[in-house]
Amino acid sequence: QRKNPFSNDNRLASKPVHTHRGDPSYGRPLEGSQTEQRGKDAHSHVEKEVEELCLVIKSTGQVGEDGHVSVTFGQLFETYVTISNKVVGILLRARKHGLVHFEGEMLWQGKDDDVIITLL
């Protein structure tokens, strides 16, 4: 629409035509836009789910000799799946932020039920 001579949409004319790698706005929504707000809301929601997952691990797990709380993936899955069906995704996000530790790249229900998840 930016190149359409018959377009009367002034919003398009005010946006930069191209952004390049290295540009601070590259790959980011416009500041103050609804897209930016939706992204912030989604990030906040995921943070709350990670926090809730850590609380579930703390309440269902056992304190080990090292003082850290641990739980098996099978036990966590059975407990947490009633809260959210995104157990594995939330676990991966929690590990990315250094809140939990477990072996392997991905956890699969049934196959990885005995994998120990440790709350850091």
N, C-alpha and C. Protein backbone atom coordinates (compact mmCIF):
# COMPACT_ATOMS: atom_id res chain seq x y z
N GLN A 1 0.82 -1.20 0.00
CA GLN A 1 0.00 0.00 0.00
C GLN A 1 0.86 1.26 0.00
N ARG A 2 2.10 1.14 0.50
CA ARG A 2 2.98 2.30 0.56
C ARG A 2 3.27 2.83 -0.85
N LYS A 3 3.31 1.93 -1.83
CA LYS A 3 3.61 2.33 -3.21
C LYS A 3 2.36 2.62 -4.02
N ASN A 4 1.18 2.33 -3.47
CA ASN A 4 -0.07 2.52 -4.18
C ASN A 4 -0.43 4.01 -4.21
N PRO A 5 -0.49 4.61 -5.38
CA PRO A 5 -0.79 6.05 -5.46
C PRO A 5 -2.23 6.38 -5.07
N PHE A 6 -3.10 5.38 -5.00
CA PHE A 6 -4.50 5.61 -4.67
C PHE A 6 -4.79 5.39 -3.19
N SER A 7 -3.76 5.05 -2.42
CA SER A 7 -3.95 4.80 -1.00
C SER A 7 -3.96 6.11 -0.23
N ASN A 8 -4.95 6.29 0.63
CA ASN A 8 -5.03 7.50 1.46
C ASN A 8 -4.65 7.20 2.90
N ASP A 9 -4.04 6.07 3.14
CA ASP A 9 -3.69 5.66 4.50
C ASP A 9 -2.41 6.37 4.94
N ASN A 10 -2.55 7.41 5.78
CA ASN A 10 -1.40 8.19 6.22
C ASN A 10 -0.50 7.44 7.20
N ARG A 11 -1.03 6.40 7.84
CA ARG A 11 -0.23 5.64 8.79
C ARG A 11 0.95 4.98 8.09
N LEU A 12 0.74 4.57 6.85
CA LEU A 12 1.80 3.88 6.12
C LEU A 12 2.94 4.82 5.76
N ALA A 13 2.63 6.07 5.48
CA ALA A 13 3.65 7.02 5.05
C ALA A 13 4.61 7.38 6.18
N SER A 14 4.18 7.27 7.42
CA SER A 14 5.04 7.68 8.54
C SER A 14 6.00 6.58 8.97
N LYS A 15 5.81 5.34 8.52
CA LYS A 15 6.67 4.23 8.92
C LYS A 15 7.93 4.21 8.06
N PRO A 16 9.05 3.79 8.63
CA PRO A 16 10.24 3.65 7.80
C PRO A 16 10.03 2.54 6.78
N VAL A 17 10.59 2.73 5.61
CA VAL A 17 10.39 1.77 4.53
C VAL A 17 11.10 0.45 4.85
N HIS A 18 12.36 0.52 5.26
CA HIS A 18 13.14 -0.69 5.54
C HIS A 18 13.95 -0.49 6.80
N THR A 19 14.08 -1.56 7.56
CA THR A 19 15.03 -1.55 8.67
C THR A 19 16.09 -2.60 8.37
N HIS A 20 17.27 -2.39 8.88
CA HIS A 20 18.39 -3.28 8.60
C HIS A 20 18.91 -3.86 9.89
N ARG A 21 19.57 -5.01 9.77
CA ARG A 21 20.20 -5.60 10.95
C ARG A 21 21.14 -4.58 11.56
N GLY A 22 21.18 -4.58 12.86
CA GLY A 22 22.01 -3.59 13.56
C GLY A 22 21.22 -2.36 13.96
N ASP A 23 20.12 -2.10 13.26
CA ASP A 23 19.23 -1.00 13.62
C ASP A 23 18.51 -1.40 14.91
N PRO A 24 18.48 -0.53 15.92
CA PRO A 24 17.84 -0.88 17.20
C PRO A 24 16.37 -1.28 17.07
N SER A 25 15.68 -0.82 16.03
CA SER A 25 14.27 -1.16 15.88
C SER A 25 14.06 -2.41 15.01
N TYR A 26 15.15 -3.02 14.53
CA TYR A 26 15.04 -4.19 13.67
C TYR A 26 14.43 -5.36 14.43
N GLY A 27 13.36 -5.93 13.89
CA GLY A 27 12.72 -7.09 14.49
C GLY A 27 11.87 -6.77 15.71
N ARG A 28 11.59 -5.51 15.94
CA ARG A 28 10.80 -5.10 17.09
C ARG A 28 9.56 -4.34 16.61
N PRO A 29 8.46 -4.48 17.36
CA PRO A 29 7.26 -3.71 16.97
C PRO A 29 7.46 -2.23 17.26
N LEU A 30 6.64 -1.42 16.64
CA LEU A 30 6.71 0.02 16.87
C LEU A 30 6.42 0.33 18.33
N GLU A 31 7.18 1.25 18.86
CA GLU A 31 7.00 1.63 20.27
C GLU A 31 5.62 2.24 20.47
N GLY A 32 4.93 1.73 21.50
CA GLY A 32 3.59 2.23 21.81
C GLY A 32 2.48 1.56 21.02
N SER A 33 2.83 0.61 20.15
CA SER A 33 1.81 -0.06 19.33
C SER A 33 1.11 -1.16 20.12
N GLN A 34 -0.01 -1.62 19.59
CA GLN A 34 -0.73 -2.71 20.22
C GLN A 34 0.08 -4.00 20.17
N THR A 35 0.86 -4.16 19.12
CA THR A 35 1.71 -5.34 19.00
C THR A 35 2.74 -5.37 20.12
N GLU A 36 3.33 -4.22 20.42
CA GLU A 36 4.30 -4.14 21.51
C GLU A 36 3.61 -4.48 22.84
N GLN A 37 2.41 -3.97 23.05
CA GLN A 37 1.69 -4.23 24.30
C GLN A 37 1.33 -5.71 24.42
N ARG A 38 0.90 -6.34 23.32
CA ARG A 38 0.58 -7.77 23.35
C ARG A 38 1.83 -8.58 23.70
N GLY A 39 2.97 -8.20 23.16
CA GLY A 39 4.22 -8.89 23.48
C GLY A 39 4.57 -8.77 24.95
N LYS A 40 4.40 -7.58 25.51
CA LYS A 40 4.67 -7.38 26.94
C LYS A 40 3.72 -8.19 27.80
N ASP A 41 2.45 -8.23 27.40
CA ASP A 41 1.45 -9.01 28.15
C ASP A 41 1.78 -10.50 28.11
N ALA A 42 2.19 -10.98 26.94
CA ALA A 42 2.54 -12.40 26.80
C ALA A 42 3.76 -12.74 27.64
N HIS A 43 4.75 -11.86 27.64
CA HIS A 43 5.95 -12.08 28.43
C HIS A 43 5.61 -12.14 29.92
N SER A 44 4.75 -11.27 30.37
CA SER A 44 4.33 -11.24 31.77
C SER A 44 3.57 -12.53 32.13
N HIS A 45 2.73 -12.99 31.23
CA HIS A 45 1.96 -14.22 31.47
C HIS A 45 2.89 -15.42 31.60
N VAL A 46 3.89 -15.52 30.74
CA VAL A 46 4.83 -16.64 30.79
C VAL A 46 5.65 -16.58 32.07
N GLU A 47 6.06 -15.39 32.49
CA GLU A 47 6.79 -15.25 33.76
C GLU A 47 5.97 -15.78 34.93
N LYS A 48 4.67 -15.49 34.94
CA LYS A 48 3.79 -15.97 36.01
C LYS A 48 3.69 -17.50 35.97
N GLU A 49 3.62 -18.08 34.77
CA GLU A 49 3.55 -19.54 34.66
C GLU A 49 4.84 -20.19 35.13
N VAL A 50 5.99 -19.59 34.83
CA VAL A 50 7.27 -20.12 35.30
C VAL A 50 7.32 -20.07 36.83
N GLU A 51 6.89 -18.96 37.38
CA GLU A 51 6.86 -18.82 38.84
C GLU A 51 5.95 -19.87 39.47
N GLU A 52 4.79 -20.10 38.87
CA GLU A 52 3.85 -21.09 39.39
C GLU A 52 4.44 -22.50 39.29
N LEU A 53 5.14 -22.79 38.20
CA LEU A 53 5.77 -24.09 38.04
C LEU A 53 6.81 -24.32 39.14
N CYS A 54 7.61 -23.30 39.45
CA CYS A 54 8.61 -23.42 40.51
C CYS A 54 7.94 -23.67 41.86
N LEU A 55 6.81 -23.05 42.11
CA LEU A 55 6.08 -23.29 43.36
C LEU A 55 5.56 -24.73 43.43
N VAL A 56 5.11 -25.27 42.30
CA VAL A 56 4.62 -26.65 42.26
C VAL A 56 5.78 -27.61 42.51
N ILE A 57 6.94 -27.34 41.90
CA ILE A 57 8.11 -28.18 42.14
C ILE A 57 8.48 -28.15 43.62
N LYS A 58 8.47 -26.96 44.20
CA LYS A 58 8.83 -26.82 45.62
C LYS A 58 7.85 -27.57 46.53
N SER A 59 6.57 -27.54 46.19
CA SER A 59 5.58 -28.19 47.05
C SER A 59 5.51 -29.70 46.86
N THR A 60 5.84 -30.21 45.66
CA THR A 60 5.72 -31.65 45.41
C THR A 60 7.04 -32.39 45.50
N GLY A 61 8.15 -31.67 45.41
CA GLY A 61 9.46 -32.33 45.38
C GLY A 61 10.01 -32.67 46.75
N GLN A 62 11.16 -33.32 46.73
CA GLN A 62 11.87 -33.72 47.94
C GLN A 62 13.16 -32.91 48.04
N VAL A 63 13.52 -32.52 49.26
CA VAL A 63 14.77 -31.79 49.47
C VAL A 63 15.90 -32.81 49.49
N GLY A 64 16.90 -32.59 48.63
CA GLY A 64 18.03 -33.50 48.54
C GLY A 64 19.13 -33.15 49.51
N GLU A 65 20.21 -33.93 49.47
CA GLU A 65 21.36 -33.70 50.35
C GLU A 65 22.01 -32.35 50.09
N ASP A 66 21.93 -31.89 48.85
CA ASP A 66 22.53 -30.61 48.50
C ASP A 66 21.65 -29.42 48.87
N GLY A 67 20.45 -29.69 49.40
CA GLY A 67 19.56 -28.61 49.81
C GLY A 67 18.60 -28.16 48.72
N HIS A 68 18.76 -28.69 47.50
CA HIS A 68 17.87 -28.33 46.40
C HIS A 68 16.67 -29.26 46.36
N VAL A 69 15.54 -28.73 45.95
CA VAL A 69 14.32 -29.53 45.82
C VAL A 69 14.31 -30.19 44.45
N SER A 70 14.04 -31.50 44.40
CA SER A 70 14.01 -32.24 43.15
C SER A 70 12.71 -33.02 43.04
N VAL A 71 12.29 -33.24 41.80
CA VAL A 71 11.09 -34.00 41.51
C VAL A 71 11.30 -34.71 40.17
N THR A 72 10.68 -35.86 39.98
CA THR A 72 10.79 -36.52 38.69
C THR A 72 9.84 -35.85 37.70
N PHE A 73 10.20 -35.96 36.42
CA PHE A 73 9.35 -35.35 35.39
C PHE A 73 7.95 -35.97 35.40
N GLY A 74 7.87 -37.28 35.60
CA GLY A 74 6.57 -37.95 35.63
C GLY A 74 5.67 -37.42 36.72
N GLN A 75 6.23 -37.25 37.90
CA GLN A 75 5.44 -36.72 39.02
C GLN A 75 5.03 -35.28 38.76
N LEU A 76 5.96 -34.47 38.26
CA LEU A 76 5.66 -33.08 37.95
C LEU A 76 4.60 -32.98 36.86
N PHE A 77 4.74 -33.82 35.84
CA PHE A 77 3.78 -33.79 34.74
C PHE A 77 2.37 -34.09 35.24
N GLU A 78 2.23 -35.12 36.06
CA GLU A 78 0.92 -35.50 36.57
C GLU A 78 0.32 -34.41 37.44
N THR A 79 1.15 -33.73 38.20
CA THR A 79 0.67 -32.66 39.08
C THR A 79 0.35 -31.40 38.31
N TYR A 80 1.27 -30.99 37.43
CA TYR A 80 1.15 -29.68 36.78
C TYR A 80 0.20 -29.69 35.59
N VAL A 81 -0.02 -30.84 34.96
CA VAL A 81 -0.86 -30.86 33.77
C VAL A 81 -2.30 -30.46 34.09
N THR A 82 -2.72 -30.59 35.34
CA THR A 82 -4.05 -30.11 35.71
C THR A 82 -4.10 -28.58 35.77
N ILE A 83 -2.95 -27.96 35.91
CA ILE A 83 -2.87 -26.49 35.95
C ILE A 83 -2.70 -25.93 34.53
N SER A 84 -1.78 -26.53 33.76
CA SER A 84 -1.50 -26.05 32.42
C SER A 84 -1.02 -27.22 31.55
N ASN A 85 -1.37 -27.18 30.28
CA ASN A 85 -0.92 -28.22 29.37
C ASN A 85 0.42 -27.89 28.71
N LYS A 86 1.08 -26.85 29.18
CA LYS A 86 2.35 -26.41 28.59
C LYS A 86 3.53 -26.71 29.51
N VAL A 87 3.51 -27.88 30.14
CA VAL A 87 4.53 -28.22 31.14
C VAL A 87 5.94 -28.15 30.56
N VAL A 88 6.15 -28.80 29.43
CA VAL A 88 7.50 -28.89 28.86
C VAL A 88 7.99 -27.51 28.42
N GLY A 89 7.14 -26.74 27.77
CA GLY A 89 7.54 -25.40 27.33
C GLY A 89 7.91 -24.50 28.50
N ILE A 90 7.14 -24.57 29.56
CA ILE A 90 7.42 -23.75 30.74
C ILE A 90 8.70 -24.23 31.42
N LEU A 91 8.93 -25.55 31.43
CA LEU A 91 10.19 -26.09 31.99
C LEU A 91 11.40 -25.58 31.20
N LEU A 92 11.28 -25.58 29.89
CA LEU A 92 12.38 -25.09 29.05
C LEU A 92 12.65 -23.61 29.32
N ARG A 93 11.60 -22.84 29.49
CA ARG A 93 11.77 -21.41 29.77
C ARG A 93 12.42 -21.22 31.15
N ALA A 94 11.99 -22.03 32.13
CA ALA A 94 12.56 -21.94 33.48
C ALA A 94 14.04 -22.31 33.45
N ARG A 95 14.40 -23.31 32.65
CA ARG A 95 15.82 -23.69 32.54
C ARG A 95 16.62 -22.58 31.86
N LYS A 96 16.05 -21.96 30.85
CA LYS A 96 16.72 -20.85 30.16
C LYS A 96 17.05 -19.72 31.12
N HIS A 97 16.19 -19.49 32.10
CA HIS A 97 16.41 -18.43 33.08
C HIS A 97 17.19 -18.91 34.31
N GLY A 98 17.66 -20.16 34.28
CA GLY A 98 18.50 -20.67 35.36
C GLY A 98 17.74 -21.01 36.64
N LEU A 99 16.46 -21.30 36.53
CA LEU A 99 15.66 -21.61 37.71
C LEU A 99 15.57 -23.10 37.99
N VAL A 100 15.70 -23.93 36.96
CA VAL A 100 15.67 -25.38 37.13
C VAL A 100 16.78 -26.02 36.31
N HIS A 101 17.09 -27.28 36.64
CA HIS A 101 18.08 -28.04 35.88
C HIS A 101 17.54 -29.44 35.64
N PHE A 102 17.74 -29.94 34.42
CA PHE A 102 17.45 -31.33 34.09
C PHE A 102 18.29 -31.72 32.90
N GLU A 103 18.53 -33.03 32.76
CA GLU A 103 19.36 -33.54 31.68
C GLU A 103 18.53 -33.66 30.40
N GLY A 104 19.16 -33.46 29.27
CA GLY A 104 18.51 -33.62 27.98
C GLY A 104 18.00 -32.31 27.42
N GLU A 105 17.71 -32.35 26.13
CA GLU A 105 17.20 -31.16 25.44
C GLU A 105 15.69 -31.00 25.61
N MET A 106 14.98 -32.13 25.53
CA MET A 106 13.53 -32.12 25.56
C MET A 106 13.06 -33.26 26.44
N LEU A 107 11.93 -33.09 27.07
CA LEU A 107 11.35 -34.14 27.91
C LEU A 107 10.06 -34.65 27.28
N TRP A 108 9.92 -35.97 27.27
CA TRP A 108 8.75 -36.60 26.66
C TRP A 108 8.00 -37.41 27.72
N GLN A 109 6.69 -37.25 27.74
CA GLN A 109 5.87 -37.98 28.70
C GLN A 109 6.03 -39.48 28.45
N GLY A 110 6.18 -40.24 29.52
CA GLY A 110 6.36 -41.69 29.42
C GLY A 110 7.83 -42.05 29.31
N LYS A 111 8.49 -41.58 28.27
CA LYS A 111 9.90 -41.90 28.03
C LYS A 111 10.82 -41.29 29.09
N ASP A 112 10.56 -40.06 29.49
CA ASP A 112 11.44 -39.34 30.41
C ASP A 112 10.83 -39.16 31.80
N ASP A 113 9.91 -40.02 32.19
CA ASP A 113 9.24 -39.87 33.49
C ASP A 113 10.20 -39.94 34.68
N ASP A 114 11.35 -40.61 34.51
CA ASP A 114 12.30 -40.75 35.61
C ASP A 114 13.39 -39.68 35.64
N VAL A 115 13.35 -38.74 34.71
CA VAL A 115 14.34 -37.65 34.68
C VAL A 115 14.10 -36.74 35.88
N ILE A 116 15.19 -36.43 36.59
CA ILE A 116 15.11 -35.58 37.78
C ILE A 116 15.17 -34.12 37.38
N ILE A 117 14.23 -33.34 37.90
CA ILE A 117 14.21 -31.89 37.69
C ILE A 117 14.53 -31.26 39.03
N THR A 118 15.58 -30.43 39.03
CA THR A 118 16.04 -29.81 40.27
C THR A 118 15.75 -28.32 40.25
N LEU A 119 15.15 -27.84 41.30
CA LEU A 119 14.86 -26.42 41.45
C LEU A 119 16.11 -25.72 41.99
N LEU A 120 16.60 -24.75 41.21
CA LEU A 120 17.80 -24.02 41.62
C LEU A 120 17.41 -22.77 42.34
